[in-house]
């Protein structure tokens, strides 16, 4: 579970940096959390859904960072 969480935090950070660097639109930040939620729905336990909002928050924090 820890590696699952760490990998998703790193991906959220990378997406936020990419969005800021290339001036991508806000809706791009929704693509990975939606794919993640579908993956959790198909493969994992429902308690992993709490990672979706964390994914969004980390992405937006990196995006809003100077």
PDB file of N, CA and C in Angstrom:
ATOM      1  N   UNK A   1       0.831  -1.198   0.000  1.00  0.00           N
ATOM      2  CA  UNK A   1       0.000   0.000   0.000  1.00  0.00           C
ATOM      3  C   UNK A   1       0.869   1.253   0.000  1.00  0.00           C
ATOM      4  N   UNK A   2       1.989   1.222   0.712  1.00  0.00           N
ATOM      5  CA  UNK A   2       2.859   2.402   0.780  1.00  0.00           C
ATOM      6  C   UNK A   2       3.429   2.729  -0.591  1.00  0.00           C
ATOM      7  N   UNK A   3       3.903   1.723  -1.321  1.00  0.00           N
ATOM      8  CA  UNK A   3       4.460   1.984  -2.651  1.00  0.00           C
ATOM      9  C   UNK A   3       3.388   2.502  -3.595  1.00  0.00           C
ATOM     10  N   UNK A   4       2.170   1.994  -3.475  1.00  0.00           N
ATOM     11  CA  UNK A   4       1.033   2.454  -4.259  1.00  0.00           C
ATOM     12  C   UNK A   4       0.807   3.948  -4.012  1.00  0.00           C
ATOM     13  N   UNK A   5       0.851   4.349  -2.758  1.00  0.00           N
ATOM     14  CA  UNK A   5       0.646   5.739  -2.365  1.00  0.00           C
ATOM     15  C   UNK A   5       1.790   6.621  -2.866  1.00  0.00           C
ATOM     16  N   UNK A   6       3.014   6.174  -2.705  1.00  0.00           N
ATOM     17  CA  UNK A   6       4.188   6.960  -3.115  1.00  0.00           C
ATOM     18  C   UNK A   6       4.217   7.144  -4.632  1.00  0.00           C
ATOM     19  N   UNK A   7       3.938   6.098  -5.372  1.00  0.00           N
ATOM     20  CA  UNK A   7       3.924   6.197  -6.833  1.00  0.00           C
ATOM     21  C   UNK A   7       2.889   7.209  -7.285  1.00  0.00           C
ATOM     22  N   UNK A   8       1.723   7.194  -6.683  1.00  0.00           N
ATOM     23  CA  UNK A   8       0.681   8.141  -7.073  1.00  0.00           C
ATOM     24  C   UNK A   8       1.027   9.571  -6.687  1.00  0.00           C
ATOM     25  N   UNK A   9       1.690   9.775  -5.559  1.00  0.00           N
ATOM     26  CA  UNK A   9       2.127  11.125  -5.199  1.00  0.00           C
ATOM     27  C   UNK A   9       3.170  11.648  -6.184  1.00  0.00           C
ATOM     28  N   UNK A  10       4.080  10.794  -6.591  1.00  0.00           N
ATOM     29  CA  UNK A  10       5.094  11.202  -7.563  1.00  0.00           C
ATOM     30  C   UNK A  10       4.450  11.534  -8.905  1.00  0.00           C
ATOM     31  N   UNK A  11       3.488  10.731  -9.335  1.00  0.00           N
ATOM     32  CA  UNK A  11       2.779  11.028 -10.583  1.00  0.00           C
ATOM     33  C   UNK A  11       2.001  12.337 -10.491  1.00  0.00           C
ATOM     34  N   UNK A  12       1.346  12.575  -9.366  1.00  0.00           N
ATOM     35  CA  UNK A  12       0.595  13.819  -9.189  1.00  0.00           C
ATOM     36  C   UNK A  12       1.540  15.017  -9.233  1.00  0.00           C
ATOM     37  N   UNK A  13       2.698  14.906  -8.586  1.00  0.00           N
ATOM     38  CA  UNK A  13       3.691  15.977  -8.608  1.00  0.00           C
ATOM     39  C   UNK A  13       4.184  16.220 -10.033  1.00  0.00           C
ATOM     40  N   UNK A  14       4.472  15.147 -10.773  1.00  0.00           N
ATOM     41  CA  UNK A  14       4.973  15.279 -12.145  1.00  0.00           C
ATOM     42  C   UNK A  14       3.927  15.901 -13.064  1.00  0.00           C
ATOM     43  N   UNK A  15       2.678  15.532 -12.897  1.00  0.00           N
ATOM     44  CA  UNK A  15       1.621  16.102 -13.727  1.00  0.00           C
ATOM     45  C   UNK A  15       1.452  17.591 -13.428  1.00  0.00           C
ATOM     46  N   UNK A  16       1.503  17.951 -12.156  1.00  0.00           N
ATOM     47  CA  UNK A  16       1.418  19.368 -11.788  1.00  0.00           C
ATOM     48  C   UNK A  16       2.547  20.183 -12.385  1.00  0.00           C
ATOM     49  N   UNK A  17       3.765  19.658 -12.336  1.00  0.00           N
ATOM     50  CA  UNK A  17       4.916  20.356 -12.939  1.00  0.00           C
ATOM     51  C   UNK A  17       4.753  20.482 -14.443  1.00  0.00           C
ATOM     52  N   UNK A  18       4.293  19.406 -15.089  1.00  0.00           N
ATOM     53  CA  UNK A  18       4.101  19.427 -16.531  1.00  0.00           C
ATOM     54  C   UNK A  18       3.017  20.442 -16.919  1.00  0.00           C
ATOM     55  N   UNK A  19       1.953  20.496 -16.128  1.00  0.00           N
ATOM     56  CA  UNK A  19       0.877  21.449 -16.410  1.00  0.00           C
ATOM     57  C   UNK A  19       1.382  22.881 -16.312  1.00  0.00           C
ATOM     58  N   UNK A  20       2.194  23.157 -15.297  1.00  0.00           N
ATOM     59  CA  UNK A  20       2.728  24.504 -15.123  1.00  0.00           C
ATOM     60  C   UNK A  20       3.726  24.839 -16.221  1.00  0.00           C
ATOM     61  N   UNK A  21       4.592  23.907 -16.561  1.00  0.00           N
ATOM     62  CA  UNK A  21       5.642  24.144 -17.549  1.00  0.00           C
ATOM     63  C   UNK A  21       5.070  24.394 -18.943  1.00  0.00           C
ATOM     64  N   UNK A  22       4.068  23.621 -19.336  1.00  0.00           N
ATOM     65  CA  UNK A  22       3.506  23.711 -20.677  1.00  0.00           C
ATOM     66  C   UNK A  22       2.199  24.494 -20.742  1.00  0.00           C
ATOM     67  N   UNK A  23       1.814  25.126 -19.620  1.00  0.00           N
ATOM     68  CA  UNK A  23       0.602  25.945 -19.556  1.00  0.00           C
ATOM     69  C   UNK A  23      -0.638  25.171 -20.026  1.00  0.00           C
ATOM     70  N   UNK A  24      -0.796  23.957 -19.520  1.00  0.00           N
ATOM     71  CA  UNK A  24      -1.939  23.126 -19.890  1.00  0.00           C
ATOM     72  C   UNK A  24      -3.188  23.584 -19.149  1.00  0.00           C
ATOM     73  N   UNK A  25      -4.324  23.263 -19.684  1.00  0.00           N
ATOM     74  CA  UNK A  25      -5.602  23.657 -19.079  1.00  0.00           C
ATOM     75  C   UNK A  25      -5.868  22.875 -17.792  1.00  0.00           C
ATOM     76  N   UNK A  26      -6.790  23.417 -16.965  1.00  0.00           N
ATOM     77  CA  UNK A  26      -7.091  22.847 -15.655  1.00  0.00           C
ATOM     78  C   UNK A  26      -7.662  21.442 -15.759  1.00  0.00           C
ATOM     79  N   UNK A  27      -8.407  21.148 -16.817  1.00  0.00           N
ATOM     80  CA  UNK A  27      -9.063  19.844 -16.905  1.00  0.00           C
ATOM     81  C   UNK A  27      -8.075  18.699 -17.124  1.00  0.00           C
ATOM     82  N   UNK A  28      -6.847  19.012 -17.525  1.00  0.00           N
ATOM     83  CA  UNK A  28      -5.834  17.971 -17.668  1.00  0.00           C
ATOM     84  C   UNK A  28      -5.555  17.326 -16.304  1.00  0.00           C
ATOM     85  N   UNK A  29      -5.709  18.115 -15.238  1.00  0.00           N
ATOM     86  CA  UNK A  29      -5.473  17.576 -13.895  1.00  0.00           C
ATOM     87  C   UNK A  29      -6.527  16.545 -13.493  1.00  0.00           C
ATOM     88  N   UNK A  30      -7.610  16.436 -14.223  1.00  0.00           N
ATOM     89  CA  UNK A  30      -8.663  15.472 -13.906  1.00  0.00           C
ATOM     90  C   UNK A  30      -8.469  14.119 -14.589  1.00  0.00           C
ATOM     91  N   UNK A  31      -7.631  14.071 -15.612  1.00  0.00           N
ATOM     92  CA  UNK A  31      -7.486  12.838 -16.392  1.00  0.00           C
ATOM     93  C   UNK A  31      -6.933  11.694 -15.543  1.00  0.00           C
ATOM     94  N   UNK A  32      -5.796  11.903 -14.881  1.00  0.00           N
ATOM     95  CA  UNK A  32      -5.194  10.817 -14.099  1.00  0.00           C
ATOM     96  C   UNK A  32      -6.043  10.402 -12.894  1.00  0.00           C
ATOM     97  N   UNK A  33      -6.626  11.339 -12.129  1.00  0.00           N
ATOM     98  CA  UNK A  33      -7.479  10.872 -11.027  1.00  0.00           C
ATOM     99  C   UNK A  33      -8.683  10.061 -11.496  1.00  0.00           C
ATOM    100  N   UNK A  34      -9.245  10.418 -12.651  1.00  0.00           N
ATOM    101  CA  UNK A  34     -10.372   9.643 -13.177  1.00  0.00           C
ATOM    102  C   UNK A  34      -9.907   8.248 -13.579  1.00  0.00           C
ATOM    103  N   UNK A  35      -8.778   8.170 -14.269  1.00  0.00           N
ATOM    104  CA  UNK A  35      -8.228   6.859 -14.628  1.00  0.00           C
ATOM    105  C   UNK A  35      -7.877   6.046 -13.378  1.00  0.00           C
ATOM    106  N   UNK A  36      -7.348   6.719 -12.378  1.00  0.00           N
ATOM    107  CA  UNK A  36      -7.018   6.050 -11.123  1.00  0.00           C
ATOM    108  C   UNK A  36      -8.280   5.504 -10.450  1.00  0.00           C
ATOM    109  N   UNK A  37      -9.345   6.299 -10.415  1.00  0.00           N
ATOM    110  CA  UNK A  37     -10.597   5.859  -9.792  1.00  0.00           C
ATOM    111  C   UNK A  37     -11.177   4.652 -10.524  1.00  0.00           C
ATOM    112  N   UNK A  38     -11.107   4.655 -11.841  1.00  0.00           N
ATOM    113  CA  UNK A  38     -11.586   3.509 -12.615  1.00  0.00           C
ATOM    114  C   UNK A  38     -10.738   2.280 -12.300  1.00  0.00           C
ATOM    115  N   UNK A  39      -9.427   2.463 -12.205  1.00  0.00           N
ATOM    116  CA  UNK A  39      -8.545   1.355 -11.871  1.00  0.00           C
ATOM    117  C   UNK A  39      -8.847   0.795 -10.476  1.00  0.00           C
ATOM    118  N   UNK A  40      -9.068   1.668  -9.520  1.00  0.00           N
ATOM    119  CA  UNK A  40      -9.425   1.219  -8.168  1.00  0.00           C
ATOM    120  C   UNK A  40     -10.748   0.459  -8.210  1.00  0.00           C
ATOM    121  N   UNK A  41     -11.696   0.964  -8.967  1.00  0.00           N
ATOM    122  CA  UNK A  41     -13.003   0.319  -9.070  1.00  0.00           C
ATOM    123  C   UNK A  41     -12.864  -1.090  -9.655  1.00  0.00           C
ATOM    124  N   UNK A  42     -11.966  -1.246 -10.629  1.00  0.00           N
ATOM    125  CA  UNK A  42     -11.809  -2.538 -11.284  1.00  0.00           C
ATOM    126  C   UNK A  42     -10.946  -3.534 -10.499  1.00  0.00           C
ATOM    127  N   UNK A  43      -9.907  -3.034  -9.805  1.00  0.00           N
ATOM    128  CA  UNK A  43      -8.923  -3.957  -9.248  1.00  0.00           C
ATOM    129  C   UNK A  43      -8.788  -3.952  -7.735  1.00  0.00           C
ATOM    130  N   UNK A  44      -9.031  -2.828  -7.099  1.00  0.00           N
ATOM    131  CA  UNK A  44      -8.671  -2.700  -5.693  1.00  0.00           C
ATOM    132  C   UNK A  44      -9.896  -2.530  -4.807  1.00  0.00           C
ATOM    133  N   UNK A  45      -9.635  -2.449  -3.525  1.00  0.00           N
ATOM    134  CA  UNK A  45     -10.703  -2.294  -2.532  1.00  0.00           C
ATOM    135  C   UNK A  45     -11.256  -0.871  -2.565  1.00  0.00           C
ATOM    136  N   UNK A  46     -12.523  -0.704  -2.229  1.00  0.00           N
ATOM    137  CA  UNK A  46     -13.151   0.616  -2.268  1.00  0.00           C
ATOM    138  C   UNK A  46     -12.519   1.652  -1.337  1.00  0.00           C
ATOM    139  N   UNK A  47     -11.832   1.229  -0.286  1.00  0.00           N
ATOM    140  CA  UNK A  47     -11.241   2.214   0.622  1.00  0.00           C
ATOM    141  C   UNK A  47     -10.098   2.986  -0.043  1.00  0.00           C
ATOM    142  N   UNK A  48      -9.636   2.568  -1.202  1.00  0.00           N
ATOM    143  CA  UNK A  48      -8.582   3.297  -1.913  1.00  0.00           C
ATOM    144  C   UNK A  48      -9.106   4.534  -2.640  1.00  0.00           C
ATOM    145  N   UNK A  49     -10.416   4.726  -2.650  1.00  0.00           N
ATOM    146  CA  UNK A  49     -10.975   5.918  -3.291  1.00  0.00           C
ATOM    147  C   UNK A  49     -10.530   7.207  -2.605  1.00  0.00           C
ATOM    148  N   UNK A  50     -10.138   7.136  -1.347  1.00  0.00           N
ATOM    149  CA  UNK A  50      -9.701   8.349  -0.651  1.00  0.00           C
ATOM    150  C   UNK A  50      -8.421   8.904  -1.259  1.00  0.00           C
ATOM    151  N   UNK A  51      -7.712   8.117  -2.052  1.00  0.00           N
ATOM    152  CA  UNK A  51      -6.507   8.611  -2.713  1.00  0.00           C
ATOM    153  C   UNK A  51      -6.822   9.548  -3.879  1.00  0.00           C
ATOM    154  N   UNK A  52      -8.007   9.466  -4.454  1.00  0.00           N
ATOM    155  CA  UNK A  52      -8.368  10.323  -5.593  1.00  0.00           C
ATOM    156  C   UNK A  52      -8.324  11.803  -5.214  1.00  0.00           C
ATOM    157  N   UNK A  53      -8.981  12.253  -4.123  1.00  0.00           N
ATOM    158  CA  UNK A  53      -8.865  13.673  -3.770  1.00  0.00           C
ATOM    159  C   UNK A  53      -7.440  14.080  -3.387  1.00  0.00           C
ATOM    160  N   UNK A  54      -6.687  13.167  -2.780  1.00  0.00           N
ATOM    161  CA  UNK A  54      -5.296  13.480  -2.450  1.00  0.00           C
ATOM    162  C   UNK A  54      -4.504  13.688  -3.739  1.00  0.00           C
ATOM    163  N   UNK A  55      -4.758  12.866  -4.729  1.00  0.00           N
ATOM    164  CA  UNK A  55      -4.125  12.988  -6.033  1.00  0.00           C
ATOM    165  C   UNK A  55      -4.399  14.387  -6.617  1.00  0.00           C
ATOM    166  N   UNK A  56      -5.660  14.800  -6.596  1.00  0.00           N
ATOM    167  CA  UNK A  56      -6.027  16.126  -7.122  1.00  0.00           C
ATOM    168  C   UNK A  56      -5.379  17.256  -6.338  1.00  0.00           C
ATOM    169  N   UNK A  57      -5.382  17.162  -5.027  1.00  0.00           N
ATOM    170  CA  UNK A  57      -4.817  18.226  -4.190  1.00  0.00           C
ATOM    171  C   UNK A  57      -3.320  18.381  -4.447  1.00  0.00           C
ATOM    172  N   UNK A  58      -2.600  17.279  -4.507  1.00  0.00           N
ATOM    173  CA  UNK A  58      -1.153  17.360  -4.758  1.00  0.00           C
ATOM    174  C   UNK A  58      -0.891  17.959  -6.136  1.00  0.00           C
ATOM    175  N   UNK A  59      -1.650  17.539  -7.139  1.00  0.00           N
ATOM    176  CA  UNK A  59      -1.475  18.091  -8.481  1.00  0.00           C
ATOM    177  C   UNK A  59      -1.723  19.590  -8.489  1.00  0.00           C
ATOM    178  N   UNK A  60      -2.785  20.042  -7.835  1.00  0.00           N
ATOM    179  CA  UNK A  60      -3.114  21.467  -7.838  1.00  0.00           C
ATOM    180  C   UNK A  60      -2.115  22.271  -7.000  1.00  0.00           C
ATOM    181  N   UNK A  61      -1.615  21.695  -5.913  1.00  0.00           N
ATOM    182  CA  UNK A  61      -0.603  22.411  -5.117  1.00  0.00           C
ATOM    183  C   UNK A  61       0.677  22.639  -5.906  1.00  0.00           C
ATOM    184  N   UNK A  62       1.107  21.638  -6.634  1.00  0.00           N
ATOM    185  CA  UNK A  62       2.299  21.794  -7.463  1.00  0.00           C
ATOM    186  C   UNK A  62       2.045  22.804  -8.575  1.00  0.00           C
ATOM    187  N   UNK A  63       0.857  22.761  -9.139  1.00  0.00           N
ATOM    188  CA  UNK A  63       0.487  23.680 -10.215  1.00  0.00           C
ATOM    189  C   UNK A  63       0.484  25.126  -9.717  1.00  0.00           C
ATOM    190  N   UNK A  64      -0.011  25.352  -8.503  1.00  0.00           N
ATOM    191  CA  UNK A  64      -0.131  26.705  -7.963  1.00  0.00           C
ATOM    192  C   UNK A  64       1.161  27.238  -7.355  1.00  0.00           C
ATOM    193  N   UNK A  65       2.126  26.362  -7.161  1.00  0.00           N
ATOM    194  CA  UNK A  65       3.400  26.775  -6.594  1.00  0.00           C
ATOM    195  C   UNK A  65       4.079  27.773  -7.523  1.00  0.00           C
ATOM    196  N   UNK A  66       4.783  28.745  -6.957  1.00  0.00           N
ATOM    197  CA  UNK A  66       5.494  29.734  -7.762  1.00  0.00           C
ATOM    198  C   UNK A  66       6.204  29.026  -8.855  1.00  0.00           C
TER     199      UNK A  66
END
